Amino acid sequence: MVLQRVSRASVTVGDASVGSIAGGLVILVGIAPTDTDHEIDRAVDKVSNLRIFADEAGLMNRSIVDIGGSVLLVSQFTLLADVGKGRRPSFANAADPETAEPLIDRFATMLRELGILTETGAFGASMAVDLVNEGPVTIIIDVEDGRVS
């Protein structure tokens, strides 16, 4: 999972805007075949409480919940690309759509249940993501076997 702190972001499919936020986080998520509800629960807890927004002193002490920010959640199986052999990436480490889509939906639903305005991309579509990365702040989070690092 890749988080980017943004001042604005949007995602389009063809000529249609399918999601946009004024400020908060863009979260790119790749789902592995072994991922379950448990990994999604851990990811939501980490993302919603991660203190990467500035407080009054300019220090990163506030979470997305604290600032009332929004999330643009985009499924991105290419995050799980294996480029160890040859010149063409292998995507064998990515879950099939029947496994991944419900987990992405769960991620979005859980964020919304926390009161976080959450927009999404279009699962399985070719999307254009436009964003202004603030800071820039980009953080990679690995959620594996229930652990978050």
Protein backbone atom coordinates (compact mmCIF):
# COMPACT_ATOMS: atom_id res chain seq x y z
CA MET A 1 0.00 0.00 0.00
CA VAL A 2 1.25 3.47 -0.89
CA LEU A 3 -0.08 6.58 0.86
CA GLN A 4 0.40 10.06 -0.52
CA ARG A 5 -0.60 13.17 1.41
CA VAL A 6 -2.39 15.41 -1.07
CA SER A 7 -4.00 18.82 -1.32
CA ARG A 8 -6.26 17.50 -4.08
CA ALA A 9 -6.70 14.35 -6.13
CA SER A 10 -9.03 12.86 -8.69
CA VAL A 11 -9.41 9.73 -10.76
CA THR A 12 -10.98 9.48 -14.19
CA VAL A 13 -11.93 6.61 -16.44
CA GLY A 14 -12.04 7.74 -20.04
CA ASP A 15 -13.63 11.17 -19.93
CA ALA A 16 -15.61 10.55 -16.74
CA SER A 17 -14.52 11.61 -13.27
CA VAL A 18 -15.20 8.72 -10.90
CA GLY A 19 -13.80 10.20 -7.69
CA SER A 20 -12.16 13.32 -6.32
CA ILE A 21 -11.11 14.79 -2.99
CA ALA A 22 -10.08 18.26 -1.87
CA GLY A 23 -7.39 17.11 0.54
CA GLY A 24 -6.20 14.15 2.56
CA LEU A 25 -4.73 10.90 1.29
CA VAL A 26 -4.47 9.00 -1.94
CA ILE A 27 -4.12 5.33 -1.06
CA LEU A 28 -2.96 2.90 -3.73
CA VAL A 29 -3.70 -0.68 -2.66
CA GLY A 30 -2.51 -3.96 -4.08
CA ILE A 31 -4.24 -7.09 -2.82
CA ALA A 32 -2.31 -10.38 -2.58
CA PRO A 33 -3.97 -13.80 -2.90
CA THR A 34 -3.37 -14.47 0.82
CA ASP A 35 -4.92 -11.19 2.00
CA THR A 36 -8.06 -11.48 4.12
CA ASP A 37 -10.41 -9.26 6.10
CA HIS A 38 -7.81 -9.31 8.87
CA GLU A 39 -5.18 -7.53 6.73
CA ILE A 40 -7.76 -4.97 5.62
CA ASP A 41 -8.81 -4.32 9.23
CA ARG A 42 -5.17 -3.73 10.20
CA ALA A 43 -4.60 -1.46 7.22
CA VAL A 44 -7.66 0.65 8.02
CA ASP A 45 -6.52 1.02 11.63
CA LYS A 46 -3.03 2.08 10.54
CA VAL A 47 -4.19 4.50 7.84
CA SER A 48 -6.86 6.18 9.94
CA ASN A 49 -4.53 6.74 12.90
CA LEU A 50 -1.24 7.47 11.15
CA ARG A 51 -0.06 10.93 12.21
CA ILE A 52 1.25 12.45 8.99
CA PHE A 53 -0.54 15.79 8.95
CA ALA A 54 0.85 18.96 10.50
CA ASP A 55 -0.34 20.34 13.81
CA GLU A 56 -0.24 24.03 14.78
CA ALA A 57 3.54 23.80 15.27
CA GLY A 58 4.06 22.28 11.84
CA LEU A 59 4.89 18.83 13.22
CA MET A 60 3.37 15.62 11.86
CA ASN A 61 1.07 14.95 14.81
CA ARG A 62 -2.39 14.73 13.28
CA SER A 63 -4.21 11.86 11.57
CA ILE A 64 -6.67 11.92 8.67
CA VAL A 65 -9.45 11.63 11.26
CA ASP A 66 -8.03 14.55 13.28
CA ILE A 67 -7.99 16.90 10.28
CA GLY A 68 -11.33 15.76 8.83
CA GLY A 69 -9.56 14.84 5.60
CA SER A 70 -10.70 12.66 2.75
CA VAL A 71 -9.35 9.53 1.08
CA LEU A 72 -9.14 8.60 -2.57
CA LEU A 73 -8.74 4.80 -2.54
CA VAL A 74 -7.45 3.21 -5.74
CA SER A 75 -6.94 -0.50 -6.35
CA GLN A 76 -3.58 -1.03 -8.06
CA PHE A 77 -2.51 -4.63 -8.67
CA THR A 78 0.74 -3.43 -10.27
CA LEU A 79 2.07 -2.68 -6.77
CA LEU A 80 2.58 -6.44 -6.48
CA ALA A 81 4.67 -6.72 -9.65
CA ASP A 82 7.65 -9.06 -9.53
CA VAL A 83 10.44 -7.71 -11.72
CA GLY A 84 13.11 -10.17 -10.56
CA LYS A 85 13.29 -12.09 -13.83
CA GLY A 86 13.42 -10.83 -17.38
CA ARG A 87 12.05 -7.52 -18.55
CA ARG A 88 8.33 -8.04 -18.24
CA PRO A 89 6.78 -7.80 -14.78
CA SER A 90 4.93 -10.81 -13.42
CA PHE A 91 1.67 -10.15 -11.61
CA ALA A 92 1.35 -13.64 -10.15
CA ASN A 93 1.61 -12.08 -6.66
CA ALA A 94 -1.64 -10.15 -7.18
CA ALA A 95 -4.99 -11.59 -6.18
CA ASP A 96 -7.58 -12.39 -8.80
CA PRO A 97 -10.41 -9.85 -9.12
CA GLU A 98 -12.90 -12.13 -7.30
CA THR A 99 -10.66 -12.00 -4.22
CA ALA A 100 -9.42 -8.42 -4.50
CA GLU A 101 -12.59 -6.45 -5.24
CA PRO A 102 -14.50 -7.40 -2.06
CA LEU A 103 -11.42 -6.53 0.03
CA ILE A 104 -11.09 -3.13 -1.63
CA ASP A 105 -14.81 -2.56 -1.04
CA ARG A 106 -14.34 -3.52 2.63
CA PHE A 107 -11.45 -1.05 2.94
CA ALA A 108 -13.60 1.81 1.57
CA THR A 109 -16.60 0.85 3.70
CA MET A 110 -14.56 0.72 6.90
CA LEU A 111 -13.02 4.14 6.22
CA ARG A 112 -16.49 5.57 5.63
CA GLU A 113 -17.73 4.00 8.88
CA LEU A 114 -14.98 5.98 10.66
CA GLY A 115 -16.47 9.17 9.21
CA ILE A 116 -13.77 9.61 6.57
CA LEU A 117 -15.13 10.85 3.23
CA THR A 118 -13.86 8.13 0.90
CA GLU A 119 -13.91 8.18 -2.88
CA THR A 120 -12.70 5.28 -5.00
CA GLY A 121 -11.42 4.52 -8.44
CA ALA A 122 -13.17 2.04 -10.72
CA PHE A 123 -12.03 -1.48 -9.93
CA GLY A 124 -10.39 -3.18 -12.91
CA ALA A 125 -10.55 -0.11 -15.13
CA SER A 126 -7.71 1.77 -16.77
CA MET A 127 -7.65 4.96 -14.69
CA ALA A 128 -5.89 8.30 -14.74
CA VAL A 129 -5.01 9.51 -11.24
CA ASP A 130 -4.25 13.21 -10.88
CA LEU A 131 -2.89 14.49 -7.58
CA VAL A 132 -0.90 17.20 -5.88
CA ASN A 133 1.39 15.52 -3.35
CA GLU A 134 1.85 17.76 -0.32
CA GLY A 135 5.28 17.85 1.26
CA PRO A 136 5.86 15.65 -0.65
CA VAL A 137 4.83 12.91 1.77
CA THR A 138 4.73 9.38 0.38
CA ILE A 139 4.70 6.36 2.69
CA ILE A 140 4.81 2.68 1.83
CA ILE A 141 2.97 0.37 4.22
CA ASP A 142 3.32 -3.40 4.05
CA VAL A 143 0.41 -5.33 5.50
CA GLU A 144 1.31 -9.01 5.58
CA ASP A 145 0.03 -11.88 7.67
CA GLY A 146 -1.79 -9.45 9.95
CA ARG A 147 1.35 -7.38 10.57
CA VAL A 148 1.77 -3.79 9.51
CA SER A 149 5.20 -2.36 8.76
